[in-house]
Amino acid sequence: MVGTLADAIAPIDARRALELAAISESNAIAAFSVFDVRSFTDLVSVVDQLGLDALEAARSRAASMSYDDALHFVYDVIEQLRASAAHKESRGAG
């Protein structure tokens, strides 16, 4: 599910998507090779955009995360996206 979230936010936040993808691939929560999923085309675009060095750096950070650290990161990203969407909505309504 973290990989699906990563692919979903890739068009709007490439860096966070890459971090989430790296967490998804790590053993911090449950390893799932997101870059092997053909339907995650937005994640492939993120790697093309940010480069392999950025991917390796994200993988390194994810590898050092505990289960709790990884969950906190995922929840923080969700909260930041929610807050950003709420802010955009309030600006549009005013």
C-alpha atoms as a PDB file:
ATOM      1  CA  MET A   1       0.000   0.000   0.000  1.00  0.00           C
ATOM      2  CA  VAL A   2       2.905   2.367   0.610  1.00  0.00           C
ATOM      3  CA  GLY A   3       4.024   1.747  -2.968  1.00  0.00           C
ATOM      4  CA  THR A   4       0.561   2.587  -4.272  1.00  0.00           C
ATOM      5  CA  LEU A   5       0.584   5.816  -2.258  1.00  0.00           C
ATOM      6  CA  ALA A   6       4.033   6.624  -3.645  1.00  0.00           C
ATOM      7  CA  ASP A   7       2.853   6.179  -7.223  1.00  0.00           C
ATOM      8  CA  ALA A   8      -0.299   8.196  -6.560  1.00  0.00           C
ATOM      9  CA  ILE A   9       1.564  11.232  -5.239  1.00  0.00           C
ATOM     10  CA  ALA A  10       4.435  11.028  -7.747  1.00  0.00           C
ATOM     11  CA  PRO A  11       2.922  13.615 -10.123  1.00  0.00           C
ATOM     12  CA  ILE A  12       2.482  16.170  -7.317  1.00  0.00           C
ATOM     13  CA  ASP A  13       5.452  15.487  -5.016  1.00  0.00           C
ATOM     14  CA  ALA A  14       8.306  13.575  -6.611  1.00  0.00           C
ATOM     15  CA  ARG A  15      10.662  13.670  -3.612  1.00  0.00           C
ATOM     16  CA  ARG A  16       8.126  12.339  -1.129  1.00  0.00           C
ATOM     17  CA  ALA A  17       7.040   9.703  -3.633  1.00  0.00           C
ATOM     18  CA  LEU A  18      10.640   8.541  -3.966  1.00  0.00           C
ATOM     19  CA  GLU A  19      11.045   8.357  -0.170  1.00  0.00           C
ATOM     20  CA  LEU A  20       7.829   6.346   0.144  1.00  0.00           C
ATOM     21  CA  ALA A  21       8.886   4.020  -2.659  1.00  0.00           C
ATOM     22  CA  ALA A  22      12.197   3.407  -0.908  1.00  0.00           C
ATOM     23  CA  ILE A  23      10.374   2.645   2.344  1.00  0.00           C
ATOM     24  CA  SER A  24       8.119   0.254   0.446  1.00  0.00           C
ATOM     25  CA  GLU A  25      11.149  -1.579  -0.918  1.00  0.00           C
ATOM     26  CA  SER A  26      12.928  -1.725   2.433  1.00  0.00           C
ATOM     27  CA  ASN A  27      12.248  -4.175   5.219  1.00  0.00           C
ATOM     28  CA  ALA A  28      11.157  -1.386   7.560  1.00  0.00           C
ATOM     29  CA  ILE A  29       7.448  -2.210   7.075  1.00  0.00           C
ATOM     30  CA  ALA A  30       7.125  -4.997   4.500  1.00  0.00           C
ATOM     31  CA  ALA A  31       9.389  -5.245   1.494  1.00  0.00           C
ATOM     32  CA  PHE A  32       7.634  -4.768  -1.841  1.00  0.00           C
ATOM     33  CA  SER A  33       9.574  -4.007  -4.999  1.00  0.00           C
ATOM     34  CA  VAL A  34       7.574  -1.077  -6.369  1.00  0.00           C
ATOM     35  CA  PHE A  35       9.821  -0.538  -9.360  1.00  0.00           C
ATOM     36  CA  ASP A  36       8.928  -4.000 -10.646  1.00  0.00           C
ATOM     37  CA  VAL A  37       5.238  -3.081 -10.895  1.00  0.00           C
ATOM     38  CA  ARG A  38       4.558  -2.086 -14.478  1.00  0.00           C
ATOM     39  CA  SER A  39       1.518  -0.018 -13.585  1.00  0.00           C
ATOM     40  CA  PHE A  40       3.573   2.315 -11.345  1.00  0.00           C
ATOM     41  CA  THR A  41       4.658   4.418 -14.307  1.00  0.00           C
ATOM     42  CA  ASP A  42       4.677   7.653 -12.303  1.00  0.00           C
ATOM     43  CA  LEU A  43       7.380   6.259 -10.013  1.00  0.00           C
ATOM     44  CA  VAL A  44       9.554   5.430 -12.994  1.00  0.00           C
ATOM     45  CA  SER A  45       9.121   9.041 -14.128  1.00  0.00           C
ATOM     46  CA  VAL A  46      10.218  10.231 -10.676  1.00  0.00           C
ATOM     47  CA  VAL A  47      13.462   8.277 -10.955  1.00  0.00           C
ATOM     48  CA  ASP A  48      13.987   9.701 -14.443  1.00  0.00           C
ATOM     49  CA  GLN A  49      13.342  13.200 -13.056  1.00  0.00           C
ATOM     50  CA  LEU A  50      15.386  13.005  -9.826  1.00  0.00           C
ATOM     51  CA  GLY A  51      18.062  10.528 -10.900  1.00  0.00           C
ATOM     52  CA  LEU A  52      19.533   7.297  -9.628  1.00  0.00           C
ATOM     53  CA  ASP A  53      21.598   9.077  -6.961  1.00  0.00           C
ATOM     54  CA  ALA A  54      18.404  10.398  -5.377  1.00  0.00           C
ATOM     55  CA  LEU A  55      16.908   6.905  -5.468  1.00  0.00           C
ATOM     56  CA  GLU A  56      19.970   5.370  -3.810  1.00  0.00           C
ATOM     57  CA  ALA A  57      19.985   8.090  -1.143  1.00  0.00           C
ATOM     58  CA  ALA A  58      16.290   7.443  -0.418  1.00  0.00           C
ATOM     59  CA  ARG A  59      16.950   3.702  -0.229  1.00  0.00           C
ATOM     60  CA  SER A  60      19.791   4.312   2.205  1.00  0.00           C
ATOM     61  CA  ARG A  61      17.577   6.450   4.455  1.00  0.00           C
ATOM     62  CA  ALA A  62      14.804   3.854   4.311  1.00  0.00           C
ATOM     63  CA  ALA A  63      17.199   1.047   5.169  1.00  0.00           C
ATOM     64  CA  SER A  64      18.164   2.825   8.377  1.00  0.00           C
ATOM     65  CA  MET A  65      14.539   3.275   9.509  1.00  0.00           C
ATOM     66  CA  SER A  66      12.886   1.201  12.169  1.00  0.00           C
ATOM     67  CA  TYR A  67       9.314   0.028  11.718  1.00  0.00           C
ATOM     68  CA  ASP A  68       8.077   2.918  13.871  1.00  0.00           C
ATOM     69  CA  ASP A  69      10.230   5.458  12.007  1.00  0.00           C
ATOM     70  CA  ALA A  70       8.862   4.258   8.672  1.00  0.00           C
ATOM     71  CA  LEU A  71       5.257   4.400   9.863  1.00  0.00           C
ATOM     72  CA  HIS A  72       5.762   7.890  11.279  1.00  0.00           C
ATOM     73  CA  PHE A  73       7.250   9.022   7.971  1.00  0.00           C
ATOM     74  CA  VAL A  74       4.323   7.593   5.992  1.00  0.00           C
ATOM     75  CA  TYR A  75       1.771   9.152   8.354  1.00  0.00           C
ATOM     76  CA  ASP A  76       3.607  12.494   8.247  1.00  0.00           C
ATOM     77  CA  VAL A  77       3.485  12.494   4.439  1.00  0.00           C
ATOM     78  CA  ILE A  78      -0.239  11.716   4.502  1.00  0.00           C
ATOM     79  CA  GLU A  79      -0.840  14.518   7.017  1.00  0.00           C
ATOM     80  CA  GLN A  80       1.221  17.002   4.981  1.00  0.00           C
ATOM     81  CA  LEU A  81      -0.716  16.115   1.833  1.00  0.00           C
ATOM     82  CA  ARG A  82      -4.014  16.447   3.689  1.00  0.00           C
ATOM     83  CA  ALA A  83      -3.016  19.839   5.091  1.00  0.00           C
ATOM     84  CA  SER A  84      -1.856  21.034   1.688  1.00  0.00           C
ATOM     85  CA  ALA A  85      -5.129  19.957   0.068  1.00  0.00           C
ATOM     86  CA  ALA A  86      -7.147  21.663   2.819  1.00  0.00           C
ATOM     87  CA  HIS A  87      -5.126  24.847   2.371  1.00  0.00           C
ATOM     88  CA  LYS A  88      -5.668  24.833  -1.384  1.00  0.00           C
ATOM     89  CA  GLU A  89      -9.367  24.206  -0.887  1.00  0.00           C
ATOM     90  CA  SER A  90      -9.710  27.100   1.574  1.00  0.00           C
ATOM     91  CA  ARG A  91      -7.876  29.455  -0.783  1.00  0.00           C
ATOM     92  CA  GLY A  92     -10.168  28.459  -3.632  1.00  0.00           C
ATOM     93  CA  ALA A  93     -13.306  28.941  -1.526  1.00  0.00           C
ATOM     94  CA  GLY A  94     -12.389  32.455  -0.426  1.00  0.00           C
END
